[in-house]
Every structure is written in C-alpha cells, then in structure tokens.
Amino acid sequence: MSSADTYWFLFRGGELLVPTESQADPIPRNADGFGLPIVQWLELEPLDGVACCAVATAADAEPPSGYRFIPLRAFAATVTPEWFDLAGRASQLLEWDRTHRFCGRCGTATERVATERA
C-alpha cells in the first residue's frame, strides 16, 4: 500500500500511536510506519475517502519525535466515536489476525482472502 494518503493506526501491543500535540488528525497520516519495525499489517475500510491501515510494531519500539503511544481507552476520551470505532476495529482485527494463524480444527495454516475477512 502506498502511504500517499493513508491513516496509520499503529499499535505497540495495546497502545496506539498519537501526536503529542493537538493536530487536525488524531491518527498519523502518510506516516509510512515512521521507520518503525512493522510486524503486522492489515488494510481497513477508508475513512472519509482516505485509506486506513492497522499496523503492529515491535513491543520495544520507541515513538518517533512528536508522537507517543497511549492505551486505546485513553484515545477514546479524546476523539469522536467514529475515530474510536475505527481504532477499536483496527486493534481487534490485528489481535484476531495474530491469534488465528492456524485452523482450530485441523491445524492447517490460515490464508487471507482478498475479498472478505475470512
């Protein structure tokens, strides 16, 4: 995915990367990961015509200058329900993808399906 116009819901464990100072967007835009190690990446539905991705970084990743990691619940207190809903969905999808790499019945590795979350 190109970062030309993308919101980056970037997580370190249960914490979300947000700007330290108030900005027009509460989520980094066009961040391209800030050079942080990306351990997981998923495409999300667009928000107001802007592409969105859910990204997980390493547990020991340090935030870039001008940003900090905060708990998702703390994020909820600072944004509109629309922003929080998408951040919550991003977190849930990353967790599901991380914990469902194999079929619970037969143990076969799961594969992504391009047309749906399955």
PDB file of N, CA and C in Angstrom:
ATOM      1  N   MET A   1       0.838  -1.191   0.000  1.00  0.00           N
ATOM      2  CA  MET A   1       0.000   0.000   0.000  1.00  0.00           C
ATOM      3  C   MET A   1       0.874   1.243   0.000  1.00  0.00           C
ATOM      4  N   SER A   2       0.510   2.197  -0.786  1.00  0.00           N
ATOM      5  CA  SER A   2       1.209   3.469  -0.801  1.00  0.00           C
ATOM      6  C   SER A   2       0.747   4.300   0.388  1.00  0.00           C
ATOM      7  N   SER A   3       1.637   5.060   0.958  1.00  0.00           N
ATOM      8  CA  SER A   3       1.257   5.907   2.085  1.00  0.00           C
ATOM      9  C   SER A   3       0.840   7.292   1.614  1.00  0.00           C
ATOM     10  N   ALA A   4       0.628   7.463   0.305  1.00  0.00           N
ATOM     11  CA  ALA A   4       0.318   8.776  -0.255  1.00  0.00           C
ATOM     12  C   ALA A   4      -0.835   9.459   0.459  1.00  0.00           C
ATOM     13  N   ASP A   5      -1.839   8.731   0.848  1.00  0.00           N
ATOM     14  CA  ASP A   5      -2.947   9.302   1.596  1.00  0.00           C
ATOM     15  C   ASP A   5      -3.563   8.207   2.446  1.00  0.00           C
ATOM     16  N   THR A   6      -2.925   7.910   3.571  1.00  0.00           N
ATOM     17  CA  THR A   6      -3.322   6.791   4.408  1.00  0.00           C
ATOM     18  C   THR A   6      -3.223   7.159   5.886  1.00  0.00           C
ATOM     19  N   TYR A   7      -4.255   6.793   6.645  1.00  0.00           N
ATOM     20  CA  TYR A   7      -4.180   6.888   8.100  1.00  0.00           C
ATOM     21  C   TYR A   7      -3.511   5.620   8.609  1.00  0.00           C
ATOM     22  N   TRP A   8      -2.555   5.785   9.524  1.00  0.00           N
ATOM     23  CA  TRP A   8      -1.816   4.666  10.105  1.00  0.00           C
ATOM     24  C   TRP A   8      -2.245   4.464  11.548  1.00  0.00           C
ATOM     25  N   PHE A   9      -3.090   3.442  11.791  1.00  0.00           N
ATOM     26  CA  PHE A   9      -3.454   3.046  13.148  1.00  0.00           C
ATOM     27  C   PHE A   9      -2.346   2.104  13.611  1.00  0.00           C
ATOM     28  N   LEU A  10      -1.323   2.693  14.217  1.00  0.00           N
ATOM     29  CA  LEU A  10      -0.097   1.986  14.534  1.00  0.00           C
ATOM     30  C   LEU A  10      -0.085   1.617  16.024  1.00  0.00           C
ATOM     31  N   PHE A  11      -0.040   0.317  16.293  1.00  0.00           N
ATOM     32  CA  PHE A  11      -0.122  -0.190  17.664  1.00  0.00           C
ATOM     33  C   PHE A  11       1.186  -0.805  18.133  1.00  0.00           C
ATOM     34  N   ARG A  12       1.467  -0.587  19.404  1.00  0.00           N
ATOM     35  CA  ARG A  12       2.548  -1.281  20.115  1.00  0.00           C
ATOM     36  C   ARG A  12       1.843  -2.006  21.257  1.00  0.00           C
ATOM     37  N   GLY A  13       1.572  -3.279  21.026  1.00  0.00           N
ATOM     38  CA  GLY A  13       0.738  -4.001  21.986  1.00  0.00           C
ATOM     39  C   GLY A  13      -0.648  -3.387  21.985  1.00  0.00           C
ATOM     40  N   GLY A  14      -1.156  -3.009  23.165  1.00  0.00           N
ATOM     41  CA  GLY A  14      -2.475  -2.393  23.257  1.00  0.00           C
ATOM     42  C   GLY A  14      -2.456  -0.877  23.182  1.00  0.00           C
ATOM     43  N   GLU A  15      -1.316  -0.308  22.842  1.00  0.00           N
ATOM     44  CA  GLU A  15      -1.186   1.143  22.785  1.00  0.00           C
ATOM     45  C   GLU A  15      -1.170   1.637  21.347  1.00  0.00           C
ATOM     46  N   LEU A  16      -1.792   2.787  21.124  1.00  0.00           N
ATOM     47  CA  LEU A  16      -1.932   3.396  19.810  1.00  0.00           C
ATOM     48  C   LEU A  16      -1.024   4.624  19.705  1.00  0.00           C
ATOM     49  N   LEU A  17      -0.408   4.792  18.550  1.00  0.00           N
ATOM     50  CA  LEU A  17       0.462   5.952  18.313  1.00  0.00           C
ATOM     51  C   LEU A  17      -0.390   7.172  17.973  1.00  0.00           C
ATOM     52  N   VAL A  18      -0.197   8.256  18.730  1.00  0.00           N
ATOM     53  CA  VAL A  18      -0.937   9.502  18.510  1.00  0.00           C
ATOM     54  C   VAL A  18       0.032  10.677  18.617  1.00  0.00           C
ATOM     55  N   PRO A  19      -0.339  11.818  18.017  1.00  0.00           N
ATOM     56  CA  PRO A  19       0.510  13.007  18.147  1.00  0.00           C
ATOM     57  C   PRO A  19       0.533  13.505  19.593  1.00  0.00           C
ATOM     58  N   THR A  20       1.664  14.066  20.026  1.00  0.00           N
ATOM     59  CA  THR A  20       1.745  14.614  21.384  1.00  0.00           C
ATOM     60  C   THR A  20       1.017  15.955  21.471  1.00  0.00           C
ATOM     61  N   GLU A  21       0.957  16.685  20.380  1.00  0.00           N
ATOM     62  CA  GLU A  21       0.253  17.970  20.327  1.00  0.00           C
ATOM     63  C   GLU A  21      -1.015  17.800  19.500  1.00  0.00           C
ATOM     64  N   SER A  22      -2.004  18.614  19.779  1.00  0.00           N
ATOM     65  CA  SER A  22      -3.266  18.554  19.043  1.00  0.00           C
ATOM     66  C   SER A  22      -3.023  18.852  17.562  1.00  0.00           C
ATOM     67  N   GLN A  23      -3.581  18.011  16.711  1.00  0.00           N
ATOM     68  CA  GLN A  23      -3.477  18.177  15.268  1.00  0.00           C
ATOM     69  C   GLN A  23      -4.848  17.968  14.653  1.00  0.00           C
ATOM     70  N   ALA A  24      -4.986  18.299  13.388  1.00  0.00           N
ATOM     71  CA  ALA A  24      -6.265  18.119  12.698  1.00  0.00           C
ATOM     72  C   ALA A  24      -6.677  16.653  12.704  1.00  0.00           C
ATOM     73  N   ASP A  25      -5.722  15.758  12.512  1.00  0.00           N
ATOM     74  CA  ASP A  25      -5.994  14.328  12.513  1.00  0.00           C
ATOM     75  C   ASP A  25      -5.428  13.704  13.790  1.00  0.00           C
ATOM     76  N   PRO A  26      -6.228  12.933  14.531  1.00  0.00           N
ATOM     77  CA  PRO A  26      -5.728  12.317  15.760  1.00  0.00           C
ATOM     78  C   PRO A  26      -4.887  11.064  15.514  1.00  0.00           C
ATOM     79  N   ILE A  27      -4.803  10.648  14.246  1.00  0.00           N
ATOM     80  CA  ILE A  27      -4.032   9.471  13.845  1.00  0.00           C
ATOM     81  C   ILE A  27      -3.012   9.922  12.814  1.00  0.00           C
ATOM     82  N   PRO A  28      -1.782   9.400  12.856  1.00  0.00           N
ATOM     83  CA  PRO A  28      -0.794   9.787  11.850  1.00  0.00           C
ATOM     84  C   PRO A  28      -1.291   9.509  10.428  1.00  0.00           C
ATOM     85  N   ARG A  29      -1.040  10.451   9.567  1.00  0.00           N
ATOM     86  CA  ARG A  29      -1.426  10.331   8.168  1.00  0.00           C
ATOM     87  C   ARG A  29      -0.159  10.395   7.328  1.00  0.00           C
ATOM     88  N   ASN A  30      -0.082   9.518   6.350  1.00  0.00           N
ATOM     89  CA  ASN A  30       1.084   9.472   5.465  1.00  0.00           C
ATOM     90  C   ASN A  30       2.365   9.186   6.227  1.00  0.00           C
ATOM     91  N   ALA A  31       2.254   8.367   7.268  1.00  0.00           N
ATOM     92  CA  ALA A  31       3.385   8.101   8.157  1.00  0.00           C
ATOM     93  C   ALA A  31       4.356   7.083   7.597  1.00  0.00           C
ATOM     94  N   ASP A  32       3.873   6.174   6.785  1.00  0.00           N
ATOM     95  CA  ASP A  32       4.696   5.099   6.229  1.00  0.00           C
ATOM     96  C   ASP A  32       5.469   4.367   7.318  1.00  0.00           C
ATOM     97  N   GLY A  33       4.838   4.256   8.493  1.00  0.00           N
ATOM     98  CA  GLY A  33       5.432   3.493   9.579  1.00  0.00           C
ATOM     99  C   GLY A  33       6.507   4.207  10.368  1.00  0.00           C
ATOM    100  N   PHE A  34       6.862   5.428   9.984  1.00  0.00           N
ATOM    101  CA  PHE A  34       7.891   6.194  10.688  1.00  0.00           C
ATOM    102  C   PHE A  34       9.210   5.446  10.805  1.00  0.00           C
ATOM    103  N   GLY A  35       9.421   4.466   9.966  1.00  0.00           N
ATOM    104  CA  GLY A  35      10.647   3.676  10.055  1.00  0.00           C
ATOM    105  C   GLY A  35      10.643   2.668  11.185  1.00  0.00           C
ATOM    106  N   LEU A  36       9.503   2.514  11.868  1.00  0.00           N
ATOM    107  CA  LEU A  36       9.402   1.521  12.936  1.00  0.00           C
ATOM    108  C   LEU A  36       9.303   0.124  12.334  1.00  0.00           C
ATOM    109  N   PRO A  37       9.757  -0.892  13.057  1.00  0.00           N
ATOM    110  CA  PRO A  37       9.633  -2.251  12.532  1.00  0.00           C
ATOM    111  C   PRO A  37       8.161  -2.661  12.466  1.00  0.00           C
ATOM    112  N   ILE A  38       7.712  -3.076  11.301  1.00  0.00           N
ATOM    113  CA  ILE A  38       6.326  -3.496  11.127  1.00  0.00           C
ATOM    114  C   ILE A  38       6.267  -5.009  11.227  1.00  0.00           C
ATOM    115  N   VAL A  39       5.539  -5.493  12.231  1.00  0.00           N
ATOM    116  CA  VAL A  39       5.429  -6.939  12.435  1.00  0.00           C
ATOM    117  C   VAL A  39       4.093  -7.482  11.937  1.00  0.00           C
ATOM    118  N   GLN A  40       3.149  -6.588  11.670  1.00  0.00           N
ATOM    119  CA  GLN A  40       1.839  -6.999  11.179  1.00  0.00           C
ATOM    120  C   GLN A  40       1.187  -5.809  10.495  1.00  0.00           C
ATOM    121  N   TRP A  41       0.465  -6.078   9.414  1.00  0.00           N
ATOM    122  CA  TRP A  41      -0.172  -5.007   8.653  1.00  0.00           C
ATOM    123  C   TRP A  41      -1.470  -5.516   8.045  1.00  0.00           C
ATOM    124  N   LEU A  42      -2.543  -4.731   8.177  1.00  0.00           N
ATOM    125  CA  LEU A  42      -3.846  -5.067   7.591  1.00  0.00           C
ATOM    126  C   LEU A  42      -4.466  -3.812   6.993  1.00  0.00           C
ATOM    127  N   GLU A  43      -5.139  -3.977   5.892  1.00  0.00           N
ATOM    128  CA  GLU A  43      -5.871  -2.869   5.288  1.00  0.00           C
ATOM    129  C   GLU A  43      -7.248  -2.779   5.944  1.00  0.00           C
ATOM    130  N   LEU A  44      -7.702  -1.553   6.206  1.00  0.00           N
ATOM    131  CA  LEU A  44      -9.014  -1.304   6.795  1.00  0.00           C
ATOM    132  C   LEU A  44      -9.898  -0.578   5.788  1.00  0.00           C
ATOM    133  N   GLU A  45     -11.156  -0.386   6.159  1.00  0.00           N
ATOM    134  CA  GLU A  45     -12.045   0.387   5.305  1.00  0.00           C
ATOM    135  C   GLU A  45     -11.624   1.857   5.354  1.00  0.00           C
ATOM    136  N   PRO A  46     -11.844   2.585   4.271  1.00  0.00           N
ATOM    137  CA  PRO A  46     -11.465   4.009   4.236  1.00  0.00           C
ATOM    138  C   PRO A  46     -12.301   4.839   5.205  1.00  0.00           C
ATOM    139  N   LEU A  47     -11.752   5.951   5.618  1.00  0.00           N
ATOM    140  CA  LEU A  47     -12.442   6.918   6.463  1.00  0.00           C
ATOM    141  C   LEU A  47     -12.518   8.225   5.689  1.00  0.00           C
ATOM    142  N   ASP A  48     -13.712   8.648   5.355  1.00  0.00           N
ATOM    143  CA  ASP A  48     -13.919   9.880   4.568  1.00  0.00           C
ATOM    144  C   ASP A  48     -13.072   9.885   3.299  1.00  0.00           C
ATOM    145  N   GLY A  49     -12.998   8.740   2.639  1.00  0.00           N
ATOM    146  CA  GLY A  49     -12.264   8.640   1.382  1.00  0.00           C
ATOM    147  C   GLY A  49     -10.763   8.460   1.525  1.00  0.00           C
ATOM    148  N   VAL A  50     -10.265   8.397   2.752  1.00  0.00           N
ATOM    149  CA  VAL A  50      -8.829   8.223   2.992  1.00  0.00           C
ATOM    150  C   VAL A  50      -8.572   6.771   3.391  1.00  0.00           C
ATOM    151  N   ALA A  51      -7.624   6.141   2.736  1.00  0.00           N
ATOM    152  CA  ALA A  51      -7.263   4.760   3.058  1.00  0.00           C
ATOM    153  C   ALA A  51      -6.795   4.671   4.506  1.00  0.00           C
ATOM    154  N   CYS A  52      -7.008   3.506   5.117  1.00  0.00           N
ATOM    155  CA  CYS A  52      -6.598   3.274   6.503  1.00  0.00           C
ATOM    156  C   CYS A  52      -5.921   1.918   6.605  1.00  0.00           C
ATOM    157  N   CYS A  53      -4.919   1.820   7.462  1.00  0.00           N
ATOM    158  CA  CYS A  53      -4.285   0.539   7.716  1.00  0.00           C
ATOM    159  C   CYS A  53      -4.068   0.365   9.215  1.00  0.00           C
ATOM    160  N   ALA A  54      -4.114  -0.886   9.632  1.00  0.00           N
ATOM    161  CA  ALA A  54      -3.822  -1.259  11.016  1.00  0.00           C
ATOM    162  C   ALA A  54      -2.441  -1.883  11.004  1.00  0.00           C
ATOM    163  N   VAL A  55      -1.577  -1.380  11.843  1.00  0.00           N
ATOM    164  CA  VAL A  55      -0.184  -1.819  11.846  1.00  0.00           C
ATOM    165  C   VAL A  55       0.246  -2.118  13.273  1.00  0.00           C
ATOM    166  N   ALA A  56       0.976  -3.213  13.436  1.00  0.00           N
ATOM    167  CA  ALA A  56       1.567  -3.533  14.735  1.00  0.00           C
ATOM    168  C   ALA A  56       3.077  -3.398  14.601  1.00  0.00           C
ATOM    169  N   THR A  57       3.675  -2.795  15.603  1.00  0.00           N
ATOM    170  CA  THR A  57       5.125  -2.653  15.635  1.00  0.00           C
ATOM    171  C   THR A  57       5.671  -3.491  16.786  1.00  0.00           C
ATOM    172  N   ALA A  58       6.965  -3.534  16.898  1.00  0.00           N
ATOM    173  CA  ALA A  58       7.629  -4.320  17.942  1.00  0.00           C
ATOM    174  C   ALA A  58       7.282  -3.785  19.334  1.00  0.00           C
ATOM    175  N   ALA A  59       7.271  -4.680  20.307  1.00  0.00           N
ATOM    176  CA  ALA A  59       6.914  -4.326  21.680  1.00  0.00           C
ATOM    177  C   ALA A  59       7.867  -3.300  22.289  1.00  0.00           C
ATOM    178  N   ASP A  60       9.089  -3.251  21.801  1.00  0.00           N
ATOM    179  CA  ASP A  60      10.065  -2.306  22.350  1.00  0.00           C
ATOM    180  C   ASP A  60      10.266  -1.074  21.473  1.00  0.00           C
ATOM    181  N   ALA A  61       9.402  -0.880  20.485  1.00  0.00           N
ATOM    182  CA  ALA A  61       9.533   0.264  19.575  1.00  0.00           C
ATOM    183  C   ALA A  61       9.322   1.578  20.324  1.00  0.00           C
ATOM    184  N   GLU A  62      10.158   2.529  20.028  1.00  0.00           N
ATOM    185  CA  GLU A  62      10.048   3.859  20.623  1.00  0.00           C
ATOM    186  C   GLU A  62       9.280   4.763  19.665  1.00  0.00           C
ATOM    187  N   PRO A  63       8.410   5.630  20.188  1.00  0.00           N
ATOM    188  CA  PRO A  63       7.648   6.513  19.298  1.00  0.00           C
ATOM    189  C   PRO A  63       8.560   7.539  18.629  1.00  0.00           C
ATOM    190  N   PRO A  64       8.221   7.940  17.412  1.00  0.00           N
ATOM    191  CA  PRO A  64       9.005   8.983  16.750  1.00  0.00           C
ATOM    192  C   PRO A  64       8.779  10.331  17.433  1.00  0.00           C
ATOM    193  N   SER A  65       9.625  11.256  17.174  1.00  0.00           N
ATOM    194  CA  SER A  65       9.517  12.587  17.755  1.00  0.00           C
ATOM    195  C   SER A  65       8.154  13.200  17.428  1.00  0.00           C
ATOM    196  N   GLY A  66       7.508  13.765  18.433  1.00  0.00           N
ATOM    197  CA  GLY A  66       6.216  14.405  18.246  1.00  0.00           C
ATOM    198  C   GLY A  66       5.035  13.461  18.407  1.00  0.00           C
ATOM    199  N   TYR A  67       5.314  12.217  18.770  1.00  0.00           N
ATOM    200  CA  TYR A  67       4.260  11.214  18.942  1.00  0.00           C
ATOM    201  C   TYR A  67       4.473  10.445  20.235  1.00  0.00           C
ATOM    202  N   ARG A  68       3.415   9.768  20.685  1.00  0.00           N
ATOM    203  CA  ARG A  68       3.508   8.923  21.875  1.00  0.00           C
ATOM    204  C   ARG A  68       2.526   7.763  21.717  1.00  0.00           C
ATOM    205  N   PHE A  69       2.757   6.706  22.448  1.00  0.00           N
ATOM    206  CA  PHE A  69       1.833   5.581  22.489  1.00  0.00           C
ATOM    207  C   PHE A  69       0.946   5.750  23.715  1.00  0.00           C
ATOM    208  N   ILE A  70      -0.379   5.580  23.506  1.00  0.00           N
ATOM    209  CA  ILE A  70      -1.320   5.666  24.624  1.00  0.00           C
ATOM    210  C   ILE A  70      -2.266   4.457  24.570  1.00  0.00           C
ATOM    211  N   PRO A  71      -2.831   4.077  25.726  1.00  0.00           N
ATOM    212  CA  PRO A  71      -3.812   2.996  25.724  1.00  0.00           C
ATOM    213  C   PRO A  71      -5.024   3.372  24.865  1.00  0.00           C
ATOM    214  N   LEU A  72      -5.616   2.394  24.251  1.00  0.00           N
ATOM    215  CA  LEU A  72      -6.765   2.631  23.374  1.00  0.00           C
ATOM    216  C   LEU A  72      -7.904   3.326  24.136  1.00  0.00           C
ATOM    217  N   ARG A  73      -8.105   2.955  25.383  1.00  0.00           N
ATOM    218  CA  ARG A  73      -9.162   3.579  26.189  1.00  0.00           C
ATOM    219  C   ARG A  73      -8.917   5.070  26.383  1.00  0.00           C
ATOM    220  N   ALA A  74      -7.678   5.458  26.559  1.00  0.00           N
ATOM    221  CA  ALA A  74      -7.354   6.885  26.704  1.00  0.00           C
ATOM    222  C   ALA A  74      -7.640   7.625  25.403  1.00  0.00           C
ATOM    223  N   PHE A  75      -7.426   6.965  24.280  1.00  0.00           N
ATOM    224  CA  PHE A  75      -7.714   7.552  22.973  1.00  0.00           C
ATOM    225  C   PHE A  75      -9.207   7.863  22.852  1.00  0.00           C
ATOM    226  N   ALA A  76     -10.041   6.983  23.382  1.00  0.00           N
ATOM    227  CA  ALA A  76     -11.498   7.148  23.299  1.00  0.00           C
ATOM    228  C   ALA A  76     -11.958   8.463  23.916  1.00  0.00           C
ATOM    229  N   ALA A  77     -11.272   8.906  24.946  1.00  0.00           N
ATOM    230  CA  ALA A  77     -11.671  10.131  25.645  1.00  0.00           C
ATOM    231  C   ALA A  77     -11.298  11.398  24.885  1.00  0.00           C
ATOM    232  N   THR A  78     -10.526  11.249  23.808  1.00  0.00           N
ATOM    233  CA  THR A  78     -10.024  12.444  23.117  1.00  0.00           C
ATOM    234  C   THR A  78     -10.552  12.615  21.700  1.00  0.00           C
ATOM    235  N   VAL A  79     -11.345  11.654  21.212  1.00  0.00           N
ATOM    236  CA  VAL A  79     -11.767  11.689  19.802  1.00  0.00           C
ATOM    237  C   VAL A  79     -13.266  11.436  19.653  1.00  0.00           C
ATOM    238  N   THR A  80     -13.756  11.613  18.442  1.00  0.00           N
ATOM    239  CA  THR A  80     -15.165  11.334  18.137  1.00  0.00           C
ATOM    240  C   THR A  80     -15.381   9.824  18.121  1.00  0.00           C
ATOM    241  N   PRO A  81     -16.625   9.396  18.281  1.00  0.00           N
ATOM    242  CA  PRO A  81     -16.916   7.959  18.224  1.00  0.00           C
ATOM    243  C   PRO A  81     -16.464   7.310  16.915  1.00  0.00           C
ATOM    244  N   GLU A  82     -16.528   8.030  15.810  1.00  0.00           N
ATOM    245  CA  GLU A  82     -16.100   7.481  14.520  1.00  0.00           C
ATOM    246  C   GLU A  82     -14.621   7.086  14.541  1.00  0.00           C
ATOM    247  N   TRP A  83     -13.783   7.959  15.101  1.00  0.00           N
ATOM    248  CA  TRP A  83     -12.353   7.665  15.194  1.00  0.00           C
ATOM    249  C   TRP A  83     -12.101   6.491  16.133  1.00  0.00           C
ATOM    250  N   PHE A  84     -12.784   6.503  17.274  1.00  0.00           N
ATOM    251  CA  PHE A  84     -12.576   5.426  18.228  1.00  0.00           C
ATOM    252  C   PHE A  84     -13.066   4.087  17.681  1.00  0.00           C
ATOM    253  N   ASP A  85     -14.200   4.093  16.982  1.00  0.00           N
ATOM    254  CA  ASP A  85     -14.719   2.855  16.397  1.00  0.00           C
ATOM    255  C   ASP A  85     -13.699   2.238  15.441  1.00  0.00           C
ATOM    256  N   LEU A  86     -13.115   3.071  14.601  1.00  0.00           N
ATOM    257  CA  LEU A  86     -12.146   2.546  13.638  1.00  0.00           C
ATOM    258  C   LEU A  86     -10.861   2.084  14.331  1.00  0.00           C
ATOM    259  N   ALA A  87     -10.419   2.818  15.340  1.00  0.00           N
ATOM    260  CA  ALA A  87      -9.225   2.404  16.087  1.00  0.00           C
ATOM    261  C   ALA A  87      -9.493   1.086  16.816  1.00  0.00           C
ATOM    262  N   GLY A  88     -10.688   0.948  17.397  1.00  0.00           N
ATOM    263  CA  GLY A  88     -11.051  -0.298  18.072  1.00  0.00           C
ATOM    264  C   GLY A  88     -11.105  -1.462  17.099  1.00  0.00           C
ATOM    265  N   ARG A  89     -11.673  -1.222  15.927  1.00  0.00           N
ATOM    266  CA  ARG A  89     -11.732  -2.266  14.902  1.00  0.00           C
ATOM    267  C   ARG A  89     -10.317  -2.652  14.464  1.00  0.00           C
ATOM    268  N   ALA A  90      -9.463  -1.671  14.287  1.00  0.00           N
ATOM    269  CA  ALA A  90      -8.077  -1.945  13.898  1.00  0.00           C
ATOM    270  C   ALA A  90      -7.401  -2.835  14.937  1.00  0.00           C
ATOM    271  N   SER A  91      -7.580  -2.502  16.201  1.00  0.00           N
ATOM    272  CA  SER A  91      -6.988  -3.290  17.278  1.00  0.00           C
ATOM    273  C   SER A  91      -7.527  -4.715  17.289  1.00  0.00           C
ATOM    274  N   GLN A  92      -8.840  -4.851  17.147  1.00  0.00           N
ATOM    275  CA  GLN A  92      -9.466  -6.178  17.159  1.00  0.00           C
ATOM    276  C   GLN A  92      -9.006  -7.028  15.980  1.00  0.00           C
ATOM    277  N   LEU A  93      -8.927  -6.435  14.798  1.00  0.00           N
ATOM    278  CA  LEU A  93      -8.507  -7.196  13.620  1.00  0.00           C
ATOM    279  C   LEU A  93      -7.050  -7.632  13.724  1.00  0.00           C
ATOM    280  N   LEU A  94      -6.193  -6.763  14.255  1.00  0.00           N
ATOM    281  CA  LEU A  94      -4.797  -7.151  14.451  1.00  0.00           C
ATOM    282  C   LEU A  94      -4.701  -8.323  15.429  1.00  0.00           C
ATOM    283  N   GLU A  95      -5.468  -8.250  16.514  1.00  0.00           N
ATOM    284  CA  GLU A  95      -5.434  -9.329  17.509  1.00  0.00           C
ATOM    285  C   GLU A  95      -5.974 -10.630  16.914  1.00  0.00           C
ATOM    286  N   TRP A  96      -7.072 -10.542  16.166  1.00  0.00           N
ATOM    287  CA  TRP A  96      -7.636 -11.743  15.543  1.00  0.00           C
ATOM    288  C   TRP A  96      -6.629 -12.352  14.563  1.00  0.00           C
ATOM    289  N   ASP A  97      -6.025 -11.511  13.757  1.00  0.00           N
ATOM    290  CA  ASP A  97      -5.056 -12.000  12.779  1.00  0.00           C
ATOM    291  C   ASP A  97      -3.848 -12.640  13.468  1.00  0.00           C
ATOM    292  N   ARG A  98      -3.427 -12.059  14.585  1.00  0.00           N
ATOM    293  CA  ARG A  98      -2.272 -12.576  15.322  1.00  0.00           C
ATOM    294  C   ARG A  98      -2.570 -13.920  15.977  1.00  0.00           C
ATOM    295  N   THR A  99      -3.801 -14.083  16.468  1.00  0.00           N
ATOM    296  CA  THR A  99      -4.121 -15.283  17.241  1.00  0.00           C
ATOM    297  C   THR A  99      -4.831 -16.379  16.446  1.00  0.00           C
ATOM    298  N   HIS A 100      -5.124 -16.140  15.180  1.00  0.00           N
ATOM    299  CA  HIS A 100      -5.825 -17.138  14.365  1.00  0.00           C
ATOM    300  C   HIS A 100      -5.020 -17.490  13.115  1.00  0.00           C
ATOM    301  N   ARG A 101      -3.784 -17.821  13.301  1.00  0.00           N
ATOM    302  CA  ARG A 101      -2.907 -18.162  12.174  1.00  0.00           C
ATOM    303  C   ARG A 101      -3.085 -19.597  11.701  1.00  0.00           C
ATOM    304  N   PHE A 102      -3.783 -20.403  12.517  1.00  0.00           N
ATOM    305  CA  PHE A 102      -3.997 -21.809  12.175  1.00  0.00           C
ATOM    306  C   PHE A 102      -5.444 -22.181  12.453  1.00  0.00           C
ATOM    307  N   CYS A 103      -5.963 -23.106  11.680  1.00  0.00           N
ATOM    308  CA  CYS A 103      -7.316 -23.608  11.860  1.00  0.00           C
ATOM    309  C   CYS A 103      -7.416 -24.300  13.220  1.00  0.00           C
ATOM    310  N   GLY A 104      -8.448 -23.945  13.994  1.00  0.00           N
ATOM    311  CA  GLY A 104      -8.639 -24.542  15.302  1.00  0.00           C
ATOM    312  C   GLY A 104      -9.054 -26.005  15.239  1.00  0.00           C
ATOM    313  N   ARG A 105      -9.507 -26.452  14.099  1.00  0.00           N
ATOM    314  CA  ARG A 105      -9.966 -27.837  13.959  1.00  0.00           C
ATOM    315  C   ARG A 105      -8.868 -28.763  13.451  1.00  0.00           C
ATOM    316  N   CYS A 106      -8.187 -28.353  12.363  1.00  0.00           N
ATOM    317  CA  CYS A 106      -7.226 -29.266  11.740  1.00  0.00           C
ATOM    318  C   CYS A 106      -5.772 -28.817  11.856  1.00  0.00           C
ATOM    319  N   GLY A 107      -5.541 -27.565  12.267  1.00  0.00           N
ATOM    320  CA  GLY A 107      -4.180 -27.078  12.443  1.00  0.00           C
ATOM    321  C   GLY A 107      -3.525 -26.542  11.179  1.00  0.00           C
ATOM    322  N   THR A 108      -4.243 -26.536  10.062  1.00  0.00           N
ATOM    323  CA  THR A 108      -3.693 -26.013   8.815  1.00  0.00           C
ATOM    324  C   THR A 108      -3.520 -24.498   8.921  1.00  0.00           C
ATOM    325  N   ALA A 109      -2.448 -23.993   8.350  1.00  0.00           N
ATOM    326  CA  ALA A 109      -2.223 -22.544   8.353  1.00  0.00           C
ATOM    327  C   ALA A 109      -3.367 -21.847   7.630  1.00  0.00           C
ATOM    328  N   THR A 110      -3.840 -20.738   8.195  1.00  0.00           N
ATOM    329  CA  THR A 110      -4.908 -19.981   7.545  1.00  0.00           C
ATOM    330  C   THR A 110      -4.311 -19.107   6.451  1.00  0.00           C
ATOM    331  N   GLU A 111      -5.144 -18.743   5.505  1.00  0.00           N
ATOM    332  CA  GLU A 111      -4.727 -17.892   4.394  1.00  0.00           C
ATOM    333  C   GLU A 111      -5.678 -16.710   4.308  1.00  0.00           C
ATOM    334  N   ARG A 112      -5.163 -15.556   3.938  1.00  0.00           N
ATOM    335  CA  ARG A 112      -6.013 -14.385   3.762  1.00  0.00           C
ATOM    336  C   ARG A 112      -6.822 -14.531   2.480  1.00  0.00           C
ATOM    337  N   VAL A 113      -8.032 -14.013   2.513  1.00  0.00           N
ATOM    338  CA  VAL A 113      -8.904 -13.980   1.356  1.00  0.00           C
ATOM    339  C   VAL A 113      -9.053 -12.513   0.969  1.00  0.00           C
ATOM    340  N   ALA A 114      -8.742 -12.181  -0.258  1.00  0.00           N
ATOM    341  CA  ALA A 114      -8.717 -10.782  -0.689  1.00  0.00           C
ATOM    342  C   ALA A 114     -10.091 -10.120  -0.670  1.00  0.00           C
ATOM    343  N   THR A 115     -11.161 -10.888  -0.837  1.00  0.00           N
ATOM    344  CA  THR A 115     -12.482 -10.294  -0.979  1.00  0.00           C
ATOM    345  C   THR A 115     -13.281 -10.196   0.313  1.00  0.00           C
ATOM    346  N   GLU A 116     -12.775 -10.769   1.407  1.00  0.00           N
ATOM    347  CA  GLU A 116     -13.517 -10.722   2.670  1.00  0.00           C
ATOM    348  C   GLU A 116     -12.605 -11.036   3.846  1.00  0.00           C
ATOM    349  N   ARG A 117     -13.110 -10.763   5.036  1.00  0.00           N
ATOM    350  CA  ARG A 117     -12.403 -11.151   6.257  1.00  0.00           C
ATOM    351  C   ARG A 117     -12.864 -12.567   6.581  1.00  0.00           C
ATOM    352  N   ALA A 118     -12.047 -13.534   6.258  1.00  0.00           N
ATOM    353  CA  ALA A 118     -12.437 -14.931   6.452  1.00  0.00           C
ATOM    354  C   ALA A 118     -11.231 -15.766   6.807  1.00  0.00           C
TER     355      ALA A 118
END
